[in-house]
Amino acid sequence: MQACGGISYVFSLYSADLKRTMSYNQEMIDGLGTAKDIGGNVGIISGLLIDVTSACYTCLLQVKSHRHIGSMRNFPSDRGVVVGLLKGFIGLSGAIFTQVYTAVYAPNTGPFLLFCASVPPLVAFVSMLIIQPVETPKQKDESDKLKFKILYVVGLVLAFYLMAVILIQDFLVVSKGVSGFFMAVMLVILLLPGIIPWRWGRGQQPRGYHKLAVDVPMSYSPSTVHTPTKHHHLEPLLVSKTATAIDVANKIHDVQNGGIKAGLPETPSKLKTRLGQDHTLLQAVNTQDYWLLFFAMGCGTGSGLTAINNLAQMAESLGSRSIGAFVALVSVWNFLGRMGSGYLSEHYMNRHATPRPLFLLVVQLVMASAHLLFASSVPTLLYLASVLVGLAHGAHWTLMVATSSELFGLQHFGALYNTLSISSTIGSYILSVKLAGYLYDRQVAAAEALALAAGQGASSSHKCAGPECFRSTFLVMACVCGVGCIALLRLVGRTKKVYRDMYKQQQAKDALKENEERLDATSPLLPKDSINGEAIRTDSPIYKASTLSDAHLRHHAPVRTD
């Protein structure tokens, strides 16, 4: 489904024909290019729906924003990896549809447009029967690592295969039959992830969805088990790796029963919602952090979409015929940026408490570099510039999703994500229509005025030739990305504590699990399914909470007097 979600990235394949057929000027065609992104980036209705219903109902809207939201809720501890994979295939869909166009429809763009309008909704309709949230697992499935590796390998194989095919088709004369073979191999690779449900999912029935447990310790006493209130949050614990499991369990027990001593807030109702907790949309928009992220995304993704939407006219102005190659290169590296940024940011965040907005800062610098390469107007550098734009644009989307979910929580994430996505459309409209389109048409008007002065007839093609057509546009967009970097520096400084606390919490969980396993192997005093002689239900909050261990239960077991 995600592989059908990025058809907007192939706009440059047919924009030149559309411009000629409809007699549009550049500002009008750029306005159309911006309009096509509205459905994908302003899915507020779908975001609200998924917050109150389920993903399968929202599939009918065919708005790509909702799909990874359910997956993050199903895999809360691997959200960066999951988002990178799913949004990666959105980025790769441009190259996938380019291959379909080359093998079946080229050079006729009309039938191809009909294909783009009919196949993705059909895939969405079929997917709504399958995609649904699942019950929160009691423990993380260790086989998830292997499954994610399979998906990464398949995605990388498909990406590099497409890149090789793109270069072959761009530099050599390839027949329709050979292009058809390339497309068939592509489709086989694309279907390989079906191995995962076939190998691990046989005989398993989807279960009903239960809201994910709040990621905080559960309160426990031998006679009663109860959970904290809805907004009950605990500060993460810093636990030494050398601590025993009993020490860790006692520290957690102290936090649960002596909140003030351990830094627990006095009363949740008296507190202002902090970063890292669940925010409503209204609470989020009242924070400086939300608007810093919103502005930075508008600068980065807005300028990226402007470059992608104008690839055809830019290549045409420089006399290049490699439009399909540029579109496909952007798509392939869009995928690699989305997937790679999720994995790398997750790794460094978990290992070194690196704030995820820092990675957004890096990719915004990469985007600025790509705009400078485009501004150079050297035809051979357009290949590298296309690679960098795709890489940075894709990374922006993965990092924004993961960052916003970590800063504002998952409970109302559907609405939060879709309002943050508006920044991309606003940035694209300003930079594409009001900047790129306006400057391009001004160059066309100047050229026509010179032609009339020389006694030549005025052209009705609305075409601009030469490096000046887009040079000023890309220089301005490089500066815009620089301003976005300043906003991200501010965001990094404001969110360091959030990520440091997340890192401490992960340390505590890892230490608890490590010591728990060691003690279980050396001193099994009580069976895992009982305490004080009474059976404990395995679906109870005790077992769902990651902070209670067998060592903790044994520590509180009464000592026999005999």
Protein backbone atom coordinates (compact mmCIF):
# COMPACT_ATOMS: atom_id res chain seq x y z
CA MET A 1 0.00 0.00 0.00
CA GLN A 2 2.83 2.39 0.81
CA ALA A 3 4.43 1.61 -2.56
CA CYS A 4 1.32 3.17 -4.15
CA GLY A 5 1.31 6.17 -1.82
CA GLY A 6 3.90 8.36 -3.51
CA ILE A 7 2.51 8.79 -7.01
CA SER A 8 2.68 12.55 -6.48
CA TYR A 9 6.46 12.24 -6.91
CA VAL A 10 6.06 11.34 -10.61
CA PHE A 11 4.43 14.70 -11.39
CA SER A 12 7.44 15.75 -13.44
CA LEU A 13 6.87 12.85 -15.86
CA TYR A 14 3.70 14.42 -17.19
CA SER A 15 3.87 18.07 -16.09
CA ALA A 16 5.51 19.24 -19.35
CA ASP A 17 2.78 17.60 -21.46
CA LEU A 18 0.11 18.98 -19.16
CA LYS A 19 1.59 22.46 -19.38
CA ARG A 20 1.62 22.33 -23.18
CA THR A 21 -1.86 20.79 -23.52
CA MET A 22 -3.52 23.22 -21.10
CA SER A 23 -1.44 26.25 -22.24
CA TYR A 24 -0.37 26.91 -18.64
CA ASN A 25 2.44 29.21 -17.64
CA GLN A 26 4.97 28.06 -15.03
CA GLU A 27 3.19 29.68 -12.09
CA MET A 28 -0.02 27.83 -12.99
CA ILE A 29 1.68 24.44 -13.39
CA ASP A 30 3.50 24.97 -10.08
CA GLY A 31 0.14 25.79 -8.48
CA LEU A 32 -1.19 22.48 -9.77
CA GLY A 33 1.90 20.72 -8.45
CA THR A 34 1.23 22.17 -5.00
CA ALA A 35 -2.46 21.24 -5.14
CA LYS A 36 -1.63 17.57 -5.75
CA ASP A 37 0.20 17.44 -2.40
CA ILE A 38 -2.71 18.75 -0.36
CA GLY A 39 -4.47 15.40 -0.02
CA GLY A 40 -1.32 13.66 1.13
CA ASN A 41 -0.09 16.33 3.50
CA VAL A 42 -3.29 17.85 4.90
CA GLY A 43 -5.14 14.72 5.98
CA ILE A 44 -6.68 16.25 9.10
CA ILE A 45 -9.92 14.31 8.64
CA SER A 46 -8.08 11.00 8.34
CA GLY A 47 -5.94 11.87 11.36
CA LEU A 48 -8.98 12.58 13.52
CA LEU A 49 -10.72 9.44 12.25
CA ILE A 50 -7.84 7.15 13.10
CA ASP A 51 -7.67 8.64 16.60
CA VAL A 52 -11.28 7.58 17.26
CA THR A 53 -11.77 4.57 14.95
CA SER A 54 -9.39 2.18 13.25
CA ALA A 55 -6.95 2.23 10.36
CA CYS A 56 -9.07 0.00 8.12
CA TYR A 57 -11.85 2.60 7.89
CA THR A 58 -9.40 5.35 7.05
CA CYS A 59 -7.88 3.38 4.16
CA LEU A 60 -10.87 4.39 2.03
CA LEU A 61 -9.68 8.00 2.11
CA GLN A 62 -6.41 6.92 0.50
CA VAL A 63 -4.51 9.50 2.54
CA LYS A 64 -1.02 8.19 3.19
CA SER A 65 -0.58 9.84 6.59
CA HIS A 66 -2.67 7.36 8.57
CA ARG A 67 -0.88 4.17 7.64
CA HIS A 68 2.20 4.43 9.78
CA ILE A 69 0.25 5.75 12.77
CA GLY A 70 -1.31 2.36 13.49
CA SER A 71 2.05 0.68 12.97
CA MET A 72 3.74 2.94 15.54
CA ARG A 73 1.06 1.98 18.04
CA ASN A 74 1.60 -1.71 17.24
CA PHE A 75 5.40 -1.35 17.57
CA PRO A 76 5.92 1.45 20.14
CA SER A 77 9.50 0.46 20.97
CA ASP A 78 10.59 0.37 17.31
CA ARG A 79 8.78 3.44 16.02
CA GLY A 80 11.80 4.91 14.23
CA VAL A 81 12.46 1.67 12.37
CA VAL A 82 8.79 1.12 11.50
CA VAL A 83 8.26 4.66 10.26
CA GLY A 84 11.48 4.50 8.24
CA LEU A 85 10.38 1.31 6.50
CA LEU A 86 6.81 2.35 5.75
CA LYS A 87 7.56 5.91 4.70
CA GLY A 88 10.55 4.59 2.77
CA PHE A 89 8.29 2.66 0.43
CA ILE A 90 6.30 5.86 -0.17
CA GLY A 91 9.51 7.44 -1.39
CA LEU A 92 10.34 4.42 -3.53
CA SER A 93 6.93 4.45 -5.18
CA GLY A 94 8.03 7.22 -7.54
CA ALA A 95 10.70 4.96 -9.03
CA ILE A 96 8.25 2.04 -9.12
CA PHE A 97 5.68 4.02 -11.10
CA THR A 98 8.40 5.43 -13.34
CA GLN A 99 9.32 1.86 -14.32
CA VAL A 100 5.67 1.08 -15.08
CA TYR A 101 5.50 4.20 -17.24
CA THR A 102 8.72 3.35 -19.09
CA ALA A 103 7.77 -0.29 -19.70
CA VAL A 104 4.10 0.12 -20.61
CA TYR A 105 3.03 3.70 -21.38
CA ALA A 106 5.98 5.85 -22.54
CA PRO A 107 5.78 8.31 -24.21
CA ASN A 108 1.98 8.57 -23.74
CA THR A 109 1.23 10.25 -20.42
CA GLY A 110 -2.58 10.24 -20.73
CA PRO A 111 -3.11 6.47 -20.20
CA PHE A 112 -0.46 6.58 -17.47
CA LEU A 113 -2.45 9.22 -15.60
CA LEU A 114 -5.52 6.96 -15.79
CA PHE A 115 -3.43 4.13 -14.32
CA CYS A 116 -2.27 6.38 -11.46
CA ALA A 117 -5.88 7.40 -10.77
CA SER A 118 -7.27 3.84 -10.61
CA VAL A 119 -4.70 1.38 -9.23
CA PRO A 120 -3.76 3.01 -5.86
CA PRO A 121 -7.41 3.35 -4.71
CA LEU A 122 -7.97 -0.31 -5.63
CA VAL A 123 -4.96 -1.33 -3.53
CA ALA A 124 -6.30 0.77 -0.65
CA PHE A 125 -9.70 -0.90 -0.85
CA VAL A 126 -8.14 -4.37 -0.68
CA SER A 127 -5.82 -3.30 2.14
CA MET A 128 -8.65 -2.05 4.34
CA LEU A 129 -9.70 -5.69 4.75
CA ILE A 130 -6.28 -6.57 6.19
CA ILE A 131 -4.74 -3.58 7.97
CA GLN A 132 -5.84 -3.21 11.58
CA PRO A 133 -4.29 -2.56 14.99
CA VAL A 134 -3.50 -5.64 17.05
CA GLU A 135 -3.53 -6.38 20.74
CA THR A 136 -0.55 -5.04 22.61
CA PRO A 137 1.89 -7.94 23.18
CA LYS A 138 2.76 -8.86 26.76
CA GLN A 139 6.41 -8.99 25.79
CA LYS A 140 8.34 -7.78 22.79
CA ASP A 141 8.55 -10.48 20.15
CA GLU A 142 12.25 -11.25 19.72
CA SER A 143 11.60 -12.38 16.15
CA ASP A 144 10.73 -8.75 15.28
CA LYS A 145 14.43 -8.04 14.79
CA LEU A 146 14.70 -10.72 12.13
CA LYS A 147 11.51 -9.55 10.42
CA PHE A 148 12.74 -5.97 10.30
CA LYS A 149 16.06 -7.16 8.86
CA ILE A 150 14.22 -9.01 6.11
CA LEU A 151 12.25 -5.87 5.27
CA TYR A 152 15.41 -3.76 5.26
CA VAL A 153 17.18 -6.21 2.95
CA VAL A 154 14.21 -6.39 0.55
CA GLY A 155 13.92 -2.59 0.50
CA LEU A 156 17.63 -2.09 -0.14
CA VAL A 157 17.71 -4.76 -2.88
CA LEU A 158 14.74 -3.12 -4.58
CA ALA A 159 16.23 0.38 -4.25
CA PHE A 160 19.62 -0.54 -5.70
CA TYR A 161 18.02 -2.67 -8.41
CA LEU A 162 15.90 0.28 -9.49
CA MET A 163 18.91 2.60 -9.42
CA ALA A 164 20.85 0.23 -11.67
CA VAL A 165 17.91 -0.05 -14.07
CA ILE A 166 17.52 3.74 -14.12
CA LEU A 167 21.14 4.27 -15.14
CA ILE A 168 20.94 1.55 -17.80
CA GLN A 169 17.80 3.06 -19.31
CA ASP A 170 19.27 6.56 -19.20
CA PHE A 171 22.61 5.82 -20.88
CA LEU A 172 21.61 2.98 -23.23
CA VAL A 173 18.84 2.43 -25.74
CA VAL A 174 16.53 -0.15 -24.12
CA SER A 175 13.63 -1.80 -25.94
CA LYS A 176 10.10 -2.07 -24.57
CA GLY A 177 10.57 -5.80 -24.07
CA VAL A 178 13.66 -5.36 -21.91
CA SER A 179 11.92 -2.61 -19.92
CA GLY A 180 8.99 -4.99 -19.39
CA PHE A 181 11.38 -7.62 -18.02
CA PHE A 182 12.90 -5.04 -15.67
CA MET A 183 9.40 -4.18 -14.44
CA ALA A 184 8.50 -7.86 -13.85
CA VAL A 185 11.62 -8.41 -11.73
CA MET A 186 10.77 -5.23 -9.78
CA LEU A 187 7.29 -6.55 -8.97
CA VAL A 188 8.69 -9.91 -7.78
CA ILE A 189 11.08 -8.14 -5.38
CA LEU A 190 8.26 -5.89 -4.19
CA LEU A 191 6.19 -8.94 -3.21
CA LEU A 192 8.99 -10.66 -1.25
CA PRO A 193 7.90 -9.21 2.15
CA GLY A 194 4.93 -11.57 1.89
CA ILE A 195 7.35 -14.20 3.19
CA ILE A 196 6.97 -12.72 6.70
CA PRO A 197 3.23 -13.36 7.27
CA TRP A 198 3.53 -16.69 5.42
CA ARG A 199 6.42 -17.85 7.64
CA TRP A 200 5.42 -16.36 11.02
CA GLY A 201 1.73 -15.55 10.71
CA ARG A 202 0.18 -18.88 9.74
CA GLY A 203 -2.55 -19.99 12.09
CA GLN A 204 -2.68 -16.67 13.91
CA GLN A 205 -5.92 -14.73 13.91
CA PRO A 206 -5.95 -10.94 14.32
CA ARG A 207 -7.05 -9.95 17.78
CA GLY A 208 -9.03 -6.94 18.93
CA TYR A 209 -7.21 -3.73 19.58
CA HIS A 210 -6.59 -2.56 23.12
CA LYS A 211 -5.18 0.86 23.79
CA LEU A 212 -1.44 0.67 24.41
CA ALA A 213 -0.47 0.71 28.05
CA VAL A 214 1.09 3.94 29.28
CA ASP A 215 4.84 3.48 29.35
CA VAL A 216 5.20 3.87 33.12
CA PRO A 217 5.61 1.43 36.02
CA MET A 218 2.47 -0.19 37.39
CA SER A 219 1.61 -0.01 41.08
CA TYR A 220 1.60 -3.28 42.94
CA SER A 221 0.75 -4.70 46.31
CA PRO A 222 0.44 -8.42 47.21
CA SER A 223 -3.30 -8.17 47.73
CA THR A 224 -4.34 -5.74 45.02
CA VAL A 225 -3.17 -4.74 41.60
CA HIS A 226 -4.07 -1.39 40.16
CA THR A 227 -2.80 0.92 37.43
CA PRO A 228 -2.03 4.60 37.65
CA THR A 229 -4.46 7.21 36.48
CA LYS A 230 -4.56 8.16 32.83
CA HIS A 231 -2.14 11.07 33.16
CA HIS A 232 0.09 9.46 35.76
CA HIS A 233 3.69 9.76 34.55
CA LEU A 234 6.93 8.97 36.30
CA GLU A 235 10.32 10.43 35.66
CA PRO A 236 12.65 7.84 34.08
CA LEU A 237 15.06 6.16 36.48
CA LEU A 238 18.82 6.08 36.15
CA VAL A 239 19.95 2.63 37.18
CA SER A 240 23.52 1.45 37.33
CA LYS A 241 24.35 -1.53 35.18
CA THR A 242 25.92 -3.16 38.24
CA ALA A 243 22.77 -2.92 40.34
CA THR A 244 21.06 -6.14 41.34
CA ALA A 245 17.57 -6.89 40.16
CA ILE A 246 16.28 -6.52 43.73
CA ASP A 247 17.89 -3.06 43.98
CA VAL A 248 16.27 -2.02 40.75
CA ALA A 249 12.90 -3.43 41.80
CA ASN A 250 13.11 -1.68 45.17
CA LYS A 251 13.92 1.63 43.51
CA ILE A 252 10.90 1.26 41.27
CA HIS A 253 8.78 0.25 44.27
CA ASP A 254 9.95 3.41 46.11
CA VAL A 255 8.96 5.54 43.13
CA GLN A 256 5.54 3.92 43.00
CA ASN A 257 4.78 4.28 46.69
CA GLY A 258 6.78 7.39 47.59
CA GLY A 259 6.41 9.72 44.68
CA ILE A 260 7.79 12.86 46.30
CA LYS A 261 10.94 11.08 47.39
CA ALA A 262 11.66 9.81 43.90
CA GLY A 263 10.73 12.99 42.11
CA LEU A 264 7.14 12.05 41.36
CA PRO A 265 4.91 15.07 40.70
CA GLU A 266 2.47 15.90 43.47
CA THR A 267 -0.85 15.73 41.67
CA PRO A 268 -1.25 15.07 37.94
CA SER A 269 -4.25 17.41 37.74
CA LYS A 270 -2.13 20.36 38.94
CA LEU A 271 0.63 19.83 36.42
CA LYS A 272 1.18 21.35 33.02
CA THR A 273 1.68 18.70 30.34
CA ARG A 274 5.38 18.27 29.66
CA LEU A 275 7.25 17.26 26.53
CA GLY A 276 7.33 13.50 26.26
CA GLN A 277 3.78 13.13 27.58
CA ASP A 278 0.59 12.75 25.57
CA HIS A 279 -0.59 16.12 24.22
CA THR A 280 -3.90 17.01 22.69
CA LEU A 281 -3.72 19.07 19.50
CA LEU A 282 -4.58 22.24 21.45
CA GLN A 283 -1.88 21.55 24.05
CA ALA A 284 0.73 20.90 21.35
CA VAL A 285 0.06 24.06 19.35
CA ASN A 286 0.51 26.08 22.54
CA THR A 287 4.15 24.98 22.77
CA GLN A 288 7.14 26.66 21.18
CA ASP A 289 8.52 23.24 20.22
CA TYR A 290 5.56 22.50 17.96
CA TRP A 291 6.05 25.68 15.95
CA LEU A 292 9.80 25.25 15.72
CA LEU A 293 9.23 21.81 14.21
CA PHE A 294 6.44 23.16 11.99
CA PHE A 295 8.62 25.98 10.64
CA ALA A 296 11.66 23.77 10.06
CA MET A 297 9.56 21.20 8.19
CA GLY A 298 8.09 23.94 6.00
CA CYS A 299 11.59 25.11 5.07
CA GLY A 300 13.01 21.64 4.40
CA THR A 301 10.15 19.70 2.81
CA GLY A 302 8.65 22.78 1.14
CA SER A 303 11.88 23.51 -0.71
CA GLY A 304 12.35 19.79 -1.43
CA LEU A 305 8.92 19.51 -3.05
CA THR A 306 9.64 22.65 -5.07
CA ALA A 307 12.76 21.03 -6.51
CA ILE A 308 10.96 17.74 -7.20
CA ASN A 309 7.96 19.41 -8.88
CA ASN A 310 10.20 21.50 -11.15
CA LEU A 311 12.60 18.76 -12.26
CA ALA A 312 11.09 18.56 -15.74
CA GLN A 313 11.27 22.29 -16.49
CA MET A 314 14.72 22.58 -14.89
CA ALA A 315 16.15 19.75 -16.99
CA GLU A 316 14.45 21.17 -20.08
CA SER A 317 15.89 24.64 -19.49
CA LEU A 318 19.41 23.16 -19.40
CA GLY A 319 18.88 20.99 -22.48
CA SER A 320 18.84 17.66 -20.59
CA ARG A 321 16.58 14.78 -21.64
CA SER A 322 17.11 12.73 -18.45
CA ILE A 323 13.86 13.76 -16.75
CA GLY A 324 12.84 10.15 -16.01
CA ALA A 325 16.27 9.42 -14.56
CA PHE A 326 16.12 12.46 -12.27
CA VAL A 327 12.63 11.52 -11.07
CA ALA A 328 13.65 7.93 -10.38
CA LEU A 329 16.90 8.93 -8.64
CA VAL A 330 14.99 11.28 -6.35
CA SER A 331 12.58 8.46 -5.57
CA VAL A 332 15.23 5.82 -4.82
CA TRP A 333 17.19 8.13 -2.53
CA ASN A 334 13.97 9.34 -1.01
CA PHE A 335 13.47 5.75 0.09
CA LEU A 336 17.02 5.39 1.39
CA GLY A 337 16.70 8.67 3.29
CA ARG A 338 13.43 7.66 4.93
CA MET A 339 14.64 4.20 5.88
CA GLY A 340 18.21 5.05 6.83
CA SER A 341 17.34 8.09 8.95
CA GLY A 342 14.90 6.02 11.02
CA TYR A 343 17.47 3.34 11.73
CA LEU A 344 20.42 5.66 12.43
CA SER A 345 18.50 8.08 14.63
CA GLU A 346 17.02 5.18 16.62
CA HIS A 347 20.49 3.69 17.13
CA TYR A 348 22.14 6.88 18.35
CA MET A 349 19.17 7.90 20.45
CA ASN A 350 19.15 4.57 22.30
CA ARG A 351 22.93 4.33 22.63
CA HIS A 352 24.00 7.93 23.21
CA ALA A 353 20.81 9.89 24.05
CA THR A 354 21.26 11.89 20.83
CA PRO A 355 18.23 14.17 20.29
CA ARG A 356 16.39 13.20 17.13
CA PRO A 357 15.99 16.88 16.04
CA LEU A 358 19.78 16.92 15.65
CA PHE A 359 19.40 14.55 12.71
CA LEU A 360 16.77 16.87 11.25
CA LEU A 361 19.37 19.64 11.43
CA VAL A 362 21.88 17.51 9.50
CA VAL A 363 19.46 16.60 6.72
CA GLN A 364 18.36 20.24 6.39
CA LEU A 365 22.01 21.12 5.74
CA VAL A 366 22.10 18.37 3.10
CA MET A 367 18.99 19.89 1.49
CA ALA A 368 20.67 23.31 1.37
CA SER A 369 23.71 21.72 -0.32
CA ALA A 370 21.46 20.12 -2.95
CA HIS A 371 19.88 23.50 -3.76
CA LEU A 372 23.33 25.01 -4.25
CA LEU A 373 24.19 22.20 -6.70
CA PHE A 374 20.99 22.88 -8.64
CA ALA A 375 21.83 26.59 -8.67
CA SER A 376 25.18 25.81 -10.32
CA SER A 377 23.18 24.70 -13.41
CA VAL A 378 25.86 22.18 -14.43
CA PRO A 379 23.97 19.32 -16.16
CA THR A 380 26.20 16.56 -14.78
CA LEU A 381 25.72 17.86 -11.22
CA LEU A 382 21.95 17.49 -11.56
CA TYR A 383 22.35 13.75 -10.91
CA LEU A 384 24.10 14.37 -7.58
CA ALA A 385 21.66 17.15 -6.70
CA SER A 386 18.72 14.79 -7.38
CA VAL A 387 20.30 12.19 -5.08
CA LEU A 388 20.76 14.71 -2.25
CA VAL A 389 17.26 16.20 -2.59
CA GLY A 390 15.71 12.74 -2.47
CA LEU A 391 17.85 11.71 0.51
CA ALA A 392 17.13 14.85 2.54
CA HIS A 393 13.44 15.07 1.63
CA GLY A 394 12.81 11.46 2.64
CA ALA A 395 14.76 11.77 5.88
CA HIS A 396 12.74 14.83 6.86
CA TRP A 397 9.48 12.88 6.84
CA THR A 398 10.72 9.93 8.90
CA LEU A 399 12.45 12.10 11.47
CA MET A 400 9.48 14.46 11.81
CA VAL A 401 7.09 11.57 12.48
CA ALA A 402 9.33 9.97 15.11
CA THR A 403 10.24 13.30 16.73
CA SER A 404 6.68 14.56 17.04
CA SER A 405 5.49 11.22 18.47
CA GLU A 406 8.24 11.35 21.11
CA LEU A 407 7.63 14.98 22.05
CA PHE A 408 3.81 14.97 22.00
CA GLY A 409 2.86 11.31 22.49
CA LEU A 410 0.86 8.81 20.44
CA GLN A 411 -2.61 9.21 21.95
CA HIS A 412 -3.63 12.06 19.62
CA PHE A 413 -0.91 11.55 17.05
CA GLY A 414 -3.23 11.29 14.04
CA ALA A 415 -4.37 14.90 14.35
CA LEU A 416 -0.91 16.12 15.41
CA TYR A 417 0.87 14.57 12.45
CA ASN A 418 -1.59 15.83 9.89
CA THR A 419 -1.43 19.40 11.16
CA LEU A 420 2.38 19.32 11.16
CA SER A 421 2.22 18.08 7.56
CA ILE A 422 0.44 21.27 6.53
CA SER A 423 3.82 23.00 6.83
CA SER A 424 5.04 21.10 3.77
CA THR A 425 2.14 22.31 1.64
CA ILE A 426 2.50 25.92 2.84
CA GLY A 427 6.24 25.88 2.16
CA SER A 428 5.73 24.29 -1.25
CA TYR A 429 3.10 26.86 -2.24
CA ILE A 430 5.24 29.84 -1.25
CA LEU A 431 8.48 28.54 -2.74
CA SER A 432 7.08 26.78 -5.80
CA VAL A 433 4.24 29.05 -6.95
CA LYS A 434 5.19 32.46 -5.60
CA LEU A 435 8.96 32.09 -6.02
CA ALA A 436 9.94 29.50 -8.66
CA GLY A 437 6.91 30.01 -10.91
CA TYR A 438 7.02 33.78 -10.66
CA LEU A 439 10.77 34.04 -11.43
CA TYR A 440 10.51 31.52 -14.28
CA ASP A 441 7.64 33.40 -15.94
CA ARG A 442 9.51 36.69 -15.52
CA GLN A 443 12.46 35.19 -17.42
CA VAL A 444 10.06 33.97 -20.14
CA ALA A 445 8.49 37.45 -20.41
CA ALA A 446 11.94 39.07 -20.67
CA ALA A 447 12.96 36.64 -23.43
CA GLU A 448 9.75 37.30 -25.36
CA ALA A 449 10.24 41.06 -25.03
CA LEU A 450 13.74 40.72 -26.49
CA ALA A 451 12.38 38.59 -29.32
CA LEU A 452 9.74 41.21 -30.16
CA ALA A 453 12.34 43.97 -30.05
CA ALA A 454 14.44 41.98 -32.53
CA GLY A 455 11.47 41.67 -34.86
CA GLN A 456 10.74 38.02 -34.09
CA GLY A 457 7.31 36.63 -33.26
CA ALA A 458 6.38 35.93 -29.62
CA SER A 459 6.34 32.28 -28.60
CA SER A 460 3.32 30.71 -26.91
CA SER A 461 5.25 27.78 -25.37
CA HIS A 462 5.98 29.61 -22.10
CA LYS A 463 9.44 27.98 -22.03
CA CYS A 464 12.59 29.41 -20.53
CA ALA A 465 16.08 28.36 -21.61
CA GLY A 466 19.33 28.83 -19.75
CA PRO A 467 20.71 28.65 -16.22
CA GLU A 468 18.98 31.86 -15.10
CA CYS A 469 15.55 30.16 -15.22
CA PHE A 470 15.97 28.58 -11.77
CA ARG A 471 19.30 29.82 -10.38
CA SER A 472 17.82 32.59 -8.22
CA THR A 473 15.11 30.23 -6.97
CA PHE A 474 17.59 27.66 -5.69
CA LEU A 475 19.84 30.25 -4.09
CA VAL A 476 16.87 31.63 -2.16
CA MET A 477 15.80 28.09 -1.13
CA ALA A 478 19.31 27.36 0.15
CA CYS A 479 18.99 30.44 2.38
CA VAL A 480 15.52 29.31 3.52
CA CYS A 481 17.01 25.97 4.62
CA GLY A 482 19.67 27.91 6.53
CA VAL A 483 16.94 29.72 8.47
CA GLY A 484 15.31 26.33 9.13
CA CYS A 485 18.61 25.13 10.61
CA ILE A 486 18.51 27.99 13.13
CA ALA A 487 15.03 26.89 14.24
CA LEU A 488 16.26 23.30 14.60
CA LEU A 489 19.23 24.38 16.71
CA ARG A 490 16.75 25.96 19.11
CA LEU A 491 14.64 22.78 19.09
CA VAL A 492 17.68 20.60 19.82
CA GLY A 493 18.51 22.72 22.85
CA ARG A 494 14.95 22.58 24.18
CA THR A 495 14.52 18.81 23.78
CA LYS A 496 17.86 17.48 25.06
CA LYS A 497 16.36 16.72 28.47
CA VAL A 498 13.49 14.72 26.94
CA TYR A 499 15.86 12.43 25.09
CA ARG A 500 18.22 12.18 28.06
CA ASP A 501 15.28 11.02 30.19
CA MET A 502 14.25 8.50 27.54
CA TYR A 503 17.81 7.20 27.53
CA LYS A 504 17.83 6.82 31.32
CA GLN A 505 14.53 4.99 31.22
CA GLN A 506 15.88 2.58 28.63
CA GLN A 507 18.97 2.03 30.79
CA ALA A 508 16.73 1.16 33.73
CA LYS A 509 14.73 -1.34 31.68
CA ASP A 510 17.87 -2.94 30.23
CA ALA A 511 19.49 -3.26 33.67
CA LEU A 512 16.33 -4.76 35.13
CA LYS A 513 16.02 -7.31 32.36
CA GLU A 514 19.71 -8.21 32.54
CA ASN A 515 19.76 -8.79 36.28
CA GLU A 516 16.39 -10.48 36.22
CA GLU A 517 17.61 -13.05 33.72
CA ARG A 518 20.79 -13.63 35.72
CA LEU A 519 18.93 -14.24 38.98
CA ASP A 520 16.35 -16.45 37.31
CA ALA A 521 19.16 -18.65 36.06
CA THR A 522 20.90 -18.92 39.45
CA SER A 523 18.21 -18.84 42.15
CA PRO A 524 14.71 -19.80 41.04
CA LEU A 525 13.04 -19.46 44.44
CA LEU A 526 9.46 -19.23 43.21
CA PRO A 527 7.77 -20.28 40.03
CA LYS A 528 7.09 -17.44 37.61
CA ASP A 529 3.35 -17.84 37.80
CA SER A 530 2.84 -17.52 41.56
CA ILE A 531 3.48 -15.30 44.56
CA ASN A 532 2.51 -15.90 48.17
CA GLY A 533 1.06 -19.20 47.04
CA GLU A 534 -1.47 -17.53 44.74
CA ALA A 535 -1.56 -17.77 40.99
CA ILE A 536 -1.00 -14.61 39.01
CA ARG A 537 -2.83 -14.15 35.73
CA THR A 538 -0.37 -13.69 32.89
CA ASP A 539 -2.58 -11.00 31.36
CA SER A 540 -2.55 -8.93 34.54
CA PRO A 541 -0.91 -5.48 34.66
CA ILE A 542 1.98 -7.03 36.57
CA TYR A 543 3.09 -8.94 33.53
CA LYS A 544 2.24 -6.14 31.12
CA ALA A 545 4.42 -3.68 33.03
CA SER A 546 8.08 -3.75 32.09
CA THR A 547 9.18 -2.60 35.55
CA LEU A 548 8.15 -5.59 37.68
CA SER A 549 10.43 -8.60 37.73
CA ASP A 550 10.34 -12.06 39.23
CA ALA A 551 13.09 -10.90 41.57
CA HIS A 552 10.83 -8.10 42.80
CA LEU A 553 8.03 -10.57 43.47
CA ARG A 554 10.35 -12.96 45.30
CA HIS A 555 11.78 -10.11 47.36
CA HIS A 556 8.31 -9.29 48.71
CA ALA A 557 7.36 -12.91 49.36
CA PRO A 558 6.91 -13.65 53.10
CA VAL A 559 9.60 -15.67 54.90
CA ARG A 560 8.44 -19.00 56.39
CA THR A 561 8.68 -19.00 60.21
CA ASP A 562 9.57 -22.69 60.34
